[in-house]
Structure formats: structure tokens, C-alpha cells
Amino acid sequence: MTDETDPKRITLDGQLVKYWEREAARLDDLASRAMFKWASRGYARKADRARSLAKAGRVREAARGRGPDSDPDQV
């Protein structure tokens, strides 16, 4: 089984990168508006985890040659 995909198609990893980035932004917003410090720290930890999951997805995309700086028309 090969890992080659149509360069114009968005892979699951690509979709997950966008999802985790949006989730991190949402959690950062919740952390900034939290009334209690313990709740703010919890949201901040979840946002950090979301950012790390997005980073892992970007690494997998880059391994496929599909990073943000790659041009899909050059494949």
C-alpha cells in the first residue's frame, strides 16, 4: 500500500490540523474568560494538547510532501 494521494485532495491529517488549530483557539478564548484560575489552567492545558496534536498532523503532512509550503501543482 502506498501513501501517495491526489495532491488536490485534503487528507484526514490536513483536516485534523485545521480542527486542532481551531480547537486550540477556542480553548485559549475560554481560558482567557474563565472566572476561576483552576478552570483557566485546565483550558490552557487542553489548548496546549490541541496545538501538539496539530503539530503532529503537520509533521505527517510534511512527510507526505503536503506541507503548507508545498505546491500541489508541482507533483
N, C-alpha and C. Protein backbone atom coordinates (compact mmCIF):
# COMPACT_ATOMS: atom_id res chain seq x y z
N MET A 1 0.85 -1.19 0.00
CA MET A 1 0.00 0.00 0.00
C MET A 1 0.88 1.24 0.00
N THR A 2 0.60 2.14 -0.89
CA THR A 2 1.39 3.37 -0.96
C THR A 2 0.68 4.48 -0.21
N ASP A 3 1.44 5.49 0.11
CA ASP A 3 0.88 6.64 0.83
C ASP A 3 0.70 7.84 -0.10
N GLU A 4 0.65 7.57 -1.40
CA GLU A 4 0.50 8.66 -2.36
C GLU A 4 -0.98 8.99 -2.53
N THR A 5 -1.29 10.26 -2.51
CA THR A 5 -2.66 10.70 -2.70
C THR A 5 -2.69 11.80 -3.74
N ASP A 6 -3.85 12.07 -4.25
CA ASP A 6 -4.03 13.17 -5.19
C ASP A 6 -3.67 14.45 -4.45
N PRO A 7 -2.74 15.26 -4.99
CA PRO A 7 -2.30 16.45 -4.26
C PRO A 7 -3.41 17.48 -4.05
N LYS A 8 -4.49 17.40 -4.82
CA LYS A 8 -5.56 18.38 -4.66
C LYS A 8 -6.55 17.96 -3.57
N ARG A 9 -6.49 16.71 -3.14
CA ARG A 9 -7.39 16.24 -2.10
C ARG A 9 -6.82 16.57 -0.72
N ILE A 10 -7.70 16.91 0.17
CA ILE A 10 -7.28 17.19 1.54
C ILE A 10 -7.32 15.87 2.30
N THR A 11 -6.21 15.53 2.92
CA THR A 11 -6.14 14.28 3.67
C THR A 11 -6.78 14.45 5.04
N LEU A 12 -6.99 13.33 5.71
CA LEU A 12 -7.53 13.38 7.07
C LEU A 12 -6.59 14.16 7.99
N ASP A 13 -5.30 13.96 7.82
CA ASP A 13 -4.34 14.71 8.65
C ASP A 13 -4.48 16.21 8.40
N GLY A 14 -4.69 16.60 7.15
CA GLY A 14 -4.89 18.01 6.84
C GLY A 14 -6.13 18.57 7.50
N GLN A 15 -7.19 17.78 7.51
CA GLN A 15 -8.42 18.21 8.17
C GLN A 15 -8.22 18.30 9.68
N LEU A 16 -7.48 17.34 10.23
CA LEU A 16 -7.24 17.34 11.67
C LEU A 16 -6.38 18.52 12.11
N VAL A 17 -5.43 18.90 11.27
CA VAL A 17 -4.59 20.06 11.61
C VAL A 17 -5.48 21.29 11.78
N LYS A 18 -6.38 21.51 10.81
CA LYS A 18 -7.28 22.67 10.90
C LYS A 18 -8.19 22.57 12.12
N TYR A 19 -8.71 21.36 12.38
CA TYR A 19 -9.59 21.18 13.53
C TYR A 19 -8.87 21.51 14.84
N TRP A 20 -7.67 20.93 15.02
CA TRP A 20 -6.96 21.14 16.28
C TRP A 20 -6.51 22.58 16.45
N GLU A 21 -6.20 23.27 15.36
CA GLU A 21 -5.86 24.69 15.47
C GLU A 21 -7.08 25.51 15.90
N ARG A 22 -8.25 25.21 15.33
CA ARG A 22 -9.48 25.91 15.75
C ARG A 22 -9.82 25.60 17.20
N GLU A 23 -9.64 24.33 17.58
CA GLU A 23 -9.94 23.93 18.96
C GLU A 23 -8.99 24.63 19.94
N ALA A 24 -7.72 24.75 19.60
CA ALA A 24 -6.76 25.45 20.47
C ALA A 24 -7.16 26.91 20.63
N ALA A 25 -7.58 27.54 19.54
CA ALA A 25 -8.01 28.94 19.62
C ALA A 25 -9.25 29.08 20.50
N ARG A 26 -10.19 28.14 20.36
CA ARG A 26 -11.41 28.18 21.18
C ARG A 26 -11.07 28.00 22.65
N LEU A 27 -10.18 27.06 22.95
CA LEU A 27 -9.80 26.81 24.35
C LEU A 27 -9.01 27.97 24.93
N ASP A 28 -8.18 28.61 24.11
CA ASP A 28 -7.47 29.81 24.59
C ASP A 28 -8.46 30.91 24.95
N ASP A 29 -9.49 31.06 24.15
CA ASP A 29 -10.52 32.06 24.43
C ASP A 29 -11.24 31.73 25.74
N LEU A 30 -11.59 30.46 25.91
CA LEU A 30 -12.25 30.06 27.16
C LEU A 30 -11.33 30.29 28.36
N ALA A 31 -10.04 30.00 28.20
CA ALA A 31 -9.09 30.20 29.29
C ALA A 31 -9.00 31.67 29.68
N SER A 32 -9.05 32.53 28.68
CA SER A 32 -8.93 33.96 28.98
C SER A 32 -10.18 34.50 29.66
N ARG A 33 -11.32 33.85 29.43
CA ARG A 33 -12.57 34.34 30.02
C ARG A 33 -13.00 33.57 31.26
N ALA A 34 -12.22 32.58 31.67
CA ALA A 34 -12.61 31.76 32.81
C ALA A 34 -12.61 32.58 34.10
N MET A 35 -13.59 32.30 34.93
CA MET A 35 -13.73 33.04 36.18
C MET A 35 -12.73 32.56 37.23
N PHE A 36 -12.41 31.27 37.23
CA PHE A 36 -11.53 30.69 38.23
C PHE A 36 -10.21 30.29 37.59
N LYS A 37 -9.11 30.48 38.33
CA LYS A 37 -7.78 30.16 37.81
C LYS A 37 -7.65 28.67 37.50
N TRP A 38 -8.23 27.79 38.31
CA TRP A 38 -8.10 26.37 38.06
C TRP A 38 -8.78 26.00 36.74
N ALA A 39 -9.87 26.65 36.41
CA ALA A 39 -10.54 26.38 35.14
C ALA A 39 -9.69 26.92 33.99
N SER A 40 -9.10 28.08 34.19
CA SER A 40 -8.25 28.68 33.17
C SER A 40 -7.05 27.78 32.87
N ARG A 41 -6.43 27.24 33.92
CA ARG A 41 -5.29 26.34 33.73
C ARG A 41 -5.71 25.07 32.98
N GLY A 42 -6.88 24.55 33.28
CA GLY A 42 -7.37 23.36 32.58
C GLY A 42 -7.58 23.63 31.10
N TYR A 43 -8.18 24.76 30.78
CA TYR A 43 -8.37 25.11 29.37
C TYR A 43 -7.03 25.32 28.68
N ALA A 44 -6.09 25.94 29.38
CA ALA A 44 -4.77 26.19 28.80
C ALA A 44 -4.05 24.87 28.51
N ARG A 45 -4.16 23.89 29.43
CA ARG A 45 -3.56 22.58 29.20
C ARG A 45 -4.18 21.90 27.98
N LYS A 46 -5.51 21.99 27.87
CA LYS A 46 -6.19 21.38 26.72
C LYS A 46 -5.79 22.07 25.43
N ALA A 47 -5.61 23.38 25.47
CA ALA A 47 -5.17 24.12 24.28
C ALA A 47 -3.76 23.70 23.88
N ASP A 48 -2.87 23.50 24.85
CA ASP A 48 -1.52 23.04 24.56
C ASP A 48 -1.54 21.67 23.91
N ARG A 49 -2.40 20.80 24.41
CA ARG A 49 -2.53 19.45 23.82
C ARG A 49 -3.06 19.55 22.39
N ALA A 50 -4.02 20.42 22.16
CA ALA A 50 -4.57 20.58 20.81
C ALA A 50 -3.49 21.08 19.86
N ARG A 51 -2.66 22.02 20.33
CA ARG A 51 -1.57 22.51 19.49
C ARG A 51 -0.56 21.41 19.18
N SER A 52 -0.28 20.54 20.15
CA SER A 52 0.67 19.45 19.90
C SER A 52 0.09 18.44 18.91
N LEU A 53 -1.21 18.21 18.97
CA LEU A 53 -1.85 17.30 18.01
C LEU A 53 -1.84 17.91 16.61
N ALA A 54 -2.03 19.22 16.52
CA ALA A 54 -1.96 19.89 15.22
C ALA A 54 -0.53 19.81 14.67
N LYS A 55 0.45 19.96 15.53
CA LYS A 55 1.85 19.87 15.10
C LYS A 55 2.15 18.47 14.58
N ALA A 56 1.65 17.45 15.24
CA ALA A 56 1.87 16.07 14.79
C ALA A 56 1.25 15.86 13.41
N GLY A 57 0.08 16.42 13.20
CA GLY A 57 -0.56 16.32 11.89
C GLY A 57 0.22 17.03 10.81
N ARG A 58 0.78 18.20 11.15
CA ARG A 58 1.60 18.93 10.19
C ARG A 58 2.86 18.14 9.83
N VAL A 59 3.44 17.45 10.81
CA VAL A 59 4.62 16.62 10.55
C VAL A 59 4.27 15.49 9.59
N ARG A 60 3.13 14.84 9.81
CA ARG A 60 2.70 13.76 8.91
C ARG A 60 2.43 14.30 7.51
N GLU A 61 1.83 15.47 7.43
CA GLU A 61 1.57 16.08 6.12
C GLU A 61 2.89 16.42 5.42
N ALA A 62 3.85 16.93 6.17
CA ALA A 62 5.15 17.27 5.59
C ALA A 62 5.87 16.00 5.11
N ALA A 63 5.70 14.89 5.84
CA ALA A 63 6.32 13.63 5.42
C ALA A 63 5.74 13.16 4.09
N ARG A 64 4.51 13.53 3.82
CA ARG A 64 3.89 13.20 2.53
C ARG A 64 4.26 14.21 1.45
N GLY A 65 4.94 15.27 1.85
CA GLY A 65 5.27 16.33 0.90
C GLY A 65 4.08 17.24 0.66
N ARG A 66 3.22 17.37 1.66
CA ARG A 66 2.00 18.15 1.50
C ARG A 66 1.91 19.26 2.54
N GLY A 67 3.04 19.80 2.91
CA GLY A 67 3.04 20.86 3.91
C GLY A 67 2.48 22.16 3.36
N PRO A 68 2.39 23.18 4.20
CA PRO A 68 1.83 24.46 3.77
C PRO A 68 2.67 25.15 2.70
N ASP A 69 3.96 24.81 2.63
CA ASP A 69 4.82 25.47 1.65
C ASP A 69 4.95 24.66 0.36
N SER A 70 4.35 23.47 0.31
CA SER A 70 4.44 22.67 -0.91
C SER A 70 3.37 23.10 -1.90
N ASP A 71 3.75 23.08 -3.16
CA ASP A 71 2.84 23.48 -4.23
C ASP A 71 2.21 22.23 -4.84
N PRO A 72 0.89 22.04 -4.75
CA PRO A 72 0.27 20.82 -5.25
C PRO A 72 0.39 20.67 -6.77
N ASP A 73 0.69 21.73 -7.49
CA ASP A 73 0.79 21.61 -8.94
C ASP A 73 2.16 21.09 -9.39
N GLN A 74 3.12 21.01 -8.47
CA GLN A 74 4.44 20.55 -8.82
C GLN A 74 4.58 19.04 -8.72
N VAL A 75 3.63 18.33 -8.23
CA VAL A 75 3.74 16.88 -8.01
C VAL A 75 3.60 16.10 -9.25
